[in-house]
Amino acid sequence: METVDEPVTLRLEGQLVGPWVGELRRVCQEIFHQGRSLTLDLADVSFLDSDAIELVRGLQNHQVALGSCSPFLAEQLRRGP
């Protein structure tokens, strides 16, 4: 059983676009509300739309770690929407 202070890793897959961006935002807010640290595992993500790029960059500014980010996604995040 997880305790409140255990870190959370979200393993994302596919394309982070459209309604999935809002769902990720909602889940992250719940985790932050619990006071837990967060890592996003992006190893199986193939594409981020502009809203997803903005969200992930904002999460990085709030100390969310990114794990296993492909060179393509890293470039998308570096360049921005």
Protein backbone atom coordinates (compact mmCIF):
# COMPACT_ATOMS: atom_id res chain seq x y z
CA MET A 1 0.00 0.00 0.00
CA GLU A 2 1.30 3.45 -0.93
CA THR A 3 1.73 6.12 1.70
CA VAL A 4 1.17 9.80 1.09
CA ASP A 5 4.89 10.62 1.02
CA GLU A 6 5.81 8.00 -1.60
CA PRO A 7 6.71 9.43 -5.02
CA VAL A 8 4.44 8.75 -7.99
CA THR A 9 5.56 7.77 -11.49
CA LEU A 10 3.04 8.07 -14.30
CA ARG A 11 3.92 5.93 -17.31
CA LEU A 12 2.36 7.51 -20.38
CA GLU A 13 1.90 5.83 -23.77
CA GLY A 14 0.93 6.84 -27.29
CA GLN A 15 0.15 10.40 -28.26
CA LEU A 16 -0.55 13.03 -25.62
CA VAL A 17 -3.15 15.08 -27.49
CA GLY A 18 -6.65 16.51 -27.13
CA PRO A 19 -8.63 15.34 -24.09
CA TRP A 20 -5.69 13.32 -22.75
CA VAL A 21 -3.87 16.57 -21.96
CA GLY A 22 -6.71 17.68 -19.69
CA GLU A 23 -6.82 14.26 -18.06
CA LEU A 24 -3.08 14.37 -17.34
CA ARG A 25 -3.48 17.88 -15.90
CA ARG A 26 -6.29 16.66 -13.62
CA VAL A 27 -4.32 13.63 -12.38
CA CYS A 28 -1.20 15.73 -11.74
CA GLN A 29 -3.22 18.24 -9.73
CA GLU A 30 -4.57 15.42 -7.55
CA ILE A 31 -1.03 14.16 -6.93
CA PHE A 32 0.22 17.67 -6.08
CA HIS A 33 -2.76 18.16 -3.75
CA GLN A 34 -1.59 15.05 -1.87
CA GLY A 35 1.86 16.62 -1.51
CA ARG A 36 3.59 13.85 -3.44
CA SER A 37 6.50 14.15 -5.87
CA LEU A 38 5.91 13.18 -9.48
CA THR A 39 7.86 11.69 -12.38
CA LEU A 40 6.46 11.37 -15.90
CA ASP A 41 7.82 8.36 -17.79
CA LEU A 42 7.58 9.35 -21.45
CA ALA A 43 9.42 6.34 -22.93
CA ASP A 44 6.35 5.15 -24.84
CA VAL A 45 5.01 8.56 -25.88
CA SER A 46 5.34 9.19 -29.61
CA PHE A 47 3.96 12.74 -29.91
CA LEU A 48 2.93 15.79 -27.86
CA ASP A 49 0.52 18.38 -29.25
CA SER A 50 1.04 22.07 -28.43
CA ASP A 51 -1.17 21.91 -25.32
CA ALA A 52 0.73 18.87 -24.07
CA ILE A 53 4.07 20.59 -24.66
CA GLU A 54 2.88 23.59 -22.67
CA LEU A 55 1.61 21.35 -19.85
CA VAL A 56 4.78 19.24 -19.62
CA ARG A 57 7.01 22.31 -19.67
CA GLY A 58 4.90 23.85 -16.90
CA LEU A 59 5.14 20.64 -14.89
CA GLN A 60 8.92 20.68 -15.25
CA ASN A 61 8.88 24.18 -13.75
CA HIS A 62 7.07 22.67 -10.74
CA GLN A 63 9.85 20.12 -10.18
CA VAL A 64 8.20 17.24 -12.04
CA ALA A 65 10.93 14.92 -13.34
CA LEU A 66 10.82 13.50 -16.85
CA GLY A 67 12.03 9.96 -17.33
CA SER A 68 12.97 8.15 -20.52
CA CYS A 69 12.21 10.99 -22.90
CA SER A 70 13.01 10.21 -26.55
CA PRO A 71 15.22 12.60 -28.52
CA PHE A 72 12.16 13.59 -30.60
CA LEU A 73 10.11 14.54 -27.52
CA ALA A 74 13.09 16.29 -25.95
CA GLU A 75 13.36 18.43 -29.08
CA GLN A 76 9.60 19.14 -29.04
CA LEU A 77 9.89 20.29 -25.43
CA ARG A 78 13.00 22.33 -26.12
CA ARG A 79 11.43 24.21 -29.03
CA GLY A 80 8.00 24.63 -27.45
CA PRO A 81 4.59 24.83 -29.09
